[in-house]
Amino acid sequence: IVIIIMFDLIIAYKFHDVFVFSVRVAFISCPTLFNHFVKVNKGAVDSVLLEYDDRFGYHGNNFIKYDYNEPLALPKEMKGQFEIVVADPPFLSEECLSKFAVTIKFLAR
């Protein structure tokens, strides 16, 4: 777990280094990376977490309840609004990956 958290922190700092602050970033099912990203960027980059676990609802408007079994059950205004979409599917099954791909295509510009 420590290795994963450190990796997430490194990735968050690398994102900070390369992002132009006018981009929007969607994080799908990667709450640890999202948390580090928010801390590193201090809200300077518009980002949103799509996550099944309601415990991350404390992110307020930056949290969207997401269930990969309903890949398009998202607010319509999110369509095509993100330059960067980061995803960490919970399963490597063809079904899960296919549904994540549908969501990514919906969100990406």
C-alpha atoms as a PDB file:
ATOM      1  CA  ILE A   1       0.000   0.000   0.000  1.00  0.00           C
ATOM      2  CA  VAL A   2       2.850   2.404   0.764  1.00  0.00           C
ATOM      3  CA  ILE A   3       4.331   1.838  -2.681  1.00  0.00           C
ATOM      4  CA  ILE A   4       0.991   2.599  -4.323  1.00  0.00           C
ATOM      5  CA  ILE A   5       0.528   5.777  -2.289  1.00  0.00           C
ATOM      6  CA  MET A   6       4.056   6.956  -3.083  1.00  0.00           C
ATOM      7  CA  PHE A   7       3.488   6.177  -6.763  1.00  0.00           C
ATOM      8  CA  ASP A   8       0.255   8.190  -6.683  1.00  0.00           C
ATOM      9  CA  LEU A   9       2.069  11.100  -5.070  1.00  0.00           C
ATOM     10  CA  ILE A  10       4.815  11.003  -7.719  1.00  0.00           C
ATOM     11  CA  ILE A  11       2.221  10.917 -10.493  1.00  0.00           C
ATOM     12  CA  ALA A  12       0.350  13.836  -8.923  1.00  0.00           C
ATOM     13  CA  TYR A  13       3.534  15.939  -8.894  1.00  0.00           C
ATOM     14  CA  LYS A  14       4.333  14.972 -12.491  1.00  0.00           C
ATOM     15  CA  PHE A  15       0.814  15.985 -13.541  1.00  0.00           C
ATOM     16  CA  HIS A  16       1.380  19.301 -11.807  1.00  0.00           C
ATOM     17  CA  ASP A  17       4.586  19.817 -13.785  1.00  0.00           C
ATOM     18  CA  VAL A  18       3.057  19.177 -17.211  1.00  0.00           C
ATOM     19  CA  PHE A  19      -0.489  20.478 -16.973  1.00  0.00           C
ATOM     20  CA  VAL A  20      -1.452  23.792 -18.388  1.00  0.00           C
ATOM     21  CA  PHE A  21      -3.852  25.202 -15.846  1.00  0.00           C
ATOM     22  CA  SER A  22      -6.647  25.637 -18.375  1.00  0.00           C
ATOM     23  CA  VAL A  23      -7.200  21.882 -18.741  1.00  0.00           C
ATOM     24  CA  ARG A  24      -9.932  19.849 -17.085  1.00  0.00           C
ATOM     25  CA  VAL A  25      -9.053  16.457 -15.653  1.00  0.00           C
ATOM     26  CA  ALA A  26     -11.390  13.567 -14.839  1.00  0.00           C
ATOM     27  CA  PHE A  27     -10.246  10.807 -12.491  1.00  0.00           C
ATOM     28  CA  ILE A  28     -12.279   7.599 -12.796  1.00  0.00           C
ATOM     29  CA  SER A  29     -12.002   5.139  -9.903  1.00  0.00           C
ATOM     30  CA  CYS A  30      -8.639   6.441  -8.699  1.00  0.00           C
ATOM     31  CA  PRO A  31      -9.447   8.342  -5.497  1.00  0.00           C
ATOM     32  CA  THR A  32      -5.956   8.124  -3.992  1.00  0.00           C
ATOM     33  CA  LEU A  33      -4.398   9.757  -7.046  1.00  0.00           C
ATOM     34  CA  PHE A  34      -7.174  12.360  -7.086  1.00  0.00           C
ATOM     35  CA  ASN A  35      -6.559  13.215  -3.419  1.00  0.00           C
ATOM     36  CA  HIS A  36      -2.844  13.714  -4.044  1.00  0.00           C
ATOM     37  CA  PHE A  37      -3.543  15.693  -7.206  1.00  0.00           C
ATOM     38  CA  VAL A  38      -5.855  18.069  -5.330  1.00  0.00           C
ATOM     39  CA  LYS A  39      -3.263  18.583  -2.576  1.00  0.00           C
ATOM     40  CA  VAL A  40      -0.422  19.212  -5.028  1.00  0.00           C
ATOM     41  CA  ASN A  41      -2.396  21.568  -7.275  1.00  0.00           C
ATOM     42  CA  LYS A  42      -4.298  23.312  -4.475  1.00  0.00           C
ATOM     43  CA  GLY A  43      -7.372  23.603  -6.677  1.00  0.00           C
ATOM     44  CA  ALA A  44      -5.522  25.361  -9.518  1.00  0.00           C
ATOM     45  CA  VAL A  45      -6.542  22.681 -12.030  1.00  0.00           C
ATOM     46  CA  ASP A  46     -10.221  21.946 -12.601  1.00  0.00           C
ATOM     47  CA  SER A  47     -10.650  18.276 -11.731  1.00  0.00           C
ATOM     48  CA  VAL A  48     -13.383  15.827 -10.833  1.00  0.00           C
ATOM     49  CA  LEU A  49     -13.448  12.370  -9.263  1.00  0.00           C
ATOM     50  CA  LEU A  50     -15.854   9.766 -10.592  1.00  0.00           C
ATOM     51  CA  GLU A  51     -16.035   7.104  -7.900  1.00  0.00           C
ATOM     52  CA  TYR A  52     -18.422   4.437  -6.618  1.00  0.00           C
ATOM     53  CA  ASP A  53     -17.454   4.855  -2.952  1.00  0.00           C
ATOM     54  CA  ASP A  54     -19.560   7.570  -1.311  1.00  0.00           C
ATOM     55  CA  ARG A  55     -16.865   8.165   1.317  1.00  0.00           C
ATOM     56  CA  PHE A  56     -15.239  10.523  -1.180  1.00  0.00           C
ATOM     57  CA  GLY A  57     -18.337  12.703  -1.314  1.00  0.00           C
ATOM     58  CA  TYR A  58     -16.525  15.193   0.917  1.00  0.00           C
ATOM     59  CA  HIS A  59     -15.028  16.540  -2.319  1.00  0.00           C
ATOM     60  CA  GLY A  60     -18.398  18.191  -2.901  1.00  0.00           C
ATOM     61  CA  ASN A  61     -18.949  19.324  -6.481  1.00  0.00           C
ATOM     62  CA  ASN A  62     -15.699  17.619  -7.486  1.00  0.00           C
ATOM     63  CA  PHE A  63     -17.219  14.204  -6.701  1.00  0.00           C
ATOM     64  CA  ILE A  64     -19.550  12.340  -9.056  1.00  0.00           C
ATOM     65  CA  LYS A  65     -21.020   8.989  -8.054  1.00  0.00           C
ATOM     66  CA  TYR A  66     -19.891   6.497 -10.721  1.00  0.00           C
ATOM     67  CA  ASP A  67     -20.814   2.869 -11.331  1.00  0.00           C
ATOM     68  CA  TYR A  68     -19.037   1.292 -14.277  1.00  0.00           C
ATOM     69  CA  ASN A  69     -22.092  -0.917 -14.848  1.00  0.00           C
ATOM     70  CA  GLU A  70     -23.861   2.264 -15.998  1.00  0.00           C
ATOM     71  CA  PRO A  71     -21.084   3.948 -18.001  1.00  0.00           C
ATOM     72  CA  LEU A  72     -23.227   6.795 -19.320  1.00  0.00           C
ATOM     73  CA  ALA A  73     -25.171   7.562 -16.130  1.00  0.00           C
ATOM     74  CA  LEU A  74     -23.413  10.906 -15.832  1.00  0.00           C
ATOM     75  CA  PRO A  75     -24.539  14.515 -16.097  1.00  0.00           C
ATOM     76  CA  LYS A  76     -24.966  15.321 -19.803  1.00  0.00           C
ATOM     77  CA  GLU A  77     -22.982  18.548 -19.403  1.00  0.00           C
ATOM     78  CA  MET A  78     -19.857  16.453 -18.743  1.00  0.00           C
ATOM     79  CA  LYS A  79     -19.806  15.145 -22.310  1.00  0.00           C
ATOM     80  CA  GLY A  80     -16.605  16.134 -24.111  1.00  0.00           C
ATOM     81  CA  GLN A  81     -15.442  18.435 -21.317  1.00  0.00           C
ATOM     82  CA  PHE A  82     -12.121  16.875 -20.271  1.00  0.00           C
ATOM     83  CA  GLU A  83      -8.753  17.150 -21.966  1.00  0.00           C
ATOM     84  CA  ILE A  84      -7.315  14.450 -19.708  1.00  0.00           C
ATOM     85  CA  VAL A  85      -9.088  11.375 -18.355  1.00  0.00           C
ATOM     86  CA  VAL A  86      -7.253   9.127 -15.883  1.00  0.00           C
ATOM     87  CA  ALA A  87      -8.840   5.749 -15.164  1.00  0.00           C
ATOM     88  CA  ASP A  88      -8.066   2.823 -12.890  1.00  0.00           C
ATOM     89  CA  PRO A  89     -10.625   0.109 -13.632  1.00  0.00           C
ATOM     90  CA  PRO A  90     -11.330  -2.109 -10.615  1.00  0.00           C
ATOM     91  CA  PHE A  91     -11.309  -5.260 -12.762  1.00  0.00           C
ATOM     92  CA  LEU A  92      -9.414  -6.298 -15.871  1.00  0.00           C
ATOM     93  CA  SER A  93     -12.341  -8.181 -17.375  1.00  0.00           C
ATOM     94  CA  GLU A  94     -13.344  -7.361 -20.923  1.00  0.00           C
ATOM     95  CA  GLU A  95     -16.747  -6.200 -19.672  1.00  0.00           C
ATOM     96  CA  CYS A  96     -15.279  -3.732 -17.152  1.00  0.00           C
ATOM     97  CA  LEU A  97     -12.669  -2.377 -19.560  1.00  0.00           C
ATOM     98  CA  SER A  98     -15.253  -1.950 -22.317  1.00  0.00           C
ATOM     99  CA  LYS A  99     -17.581  -0.001 -20.033  1.00  0.00           C
ATOM    100  CA  PHE A 100     -14.721   2.201 -18.843  1.00  0.00           C
ATOM    101  CA  ALA A 101     -13.866   2.886 -22.488  1.00  0.00           C
ATOM    102  CA  VAL A 102     -17.444   4.064 -23.081  1.00  0.00           C
ATOM    103  CA  THR A 103     -17.168   6.470 -20.131  1.00  0.00           C
ATOM    104  CA  ILE A 104     -13.750   7.742 -21.241  1.00  0.00           C
ATOM    105  CA  LYS A 105     -15.027   8.387 -24.753  1.00  0.00           C
ATOM    106  CA  PHE A 106     -18.022  10.261 -23.319  1.00  0.00           C
ATOM    107  CA  LEU A 107     -15.854  12.502 -21.115  1.00  0.00           C
ATOM    108  CA  ALA A 108     -12.908  13.186 -23.440  1.00  0.00           C
ATOM    109  CA  ARG A 109     -12.670  16.102 -25.847  1.00  0.00           C
END
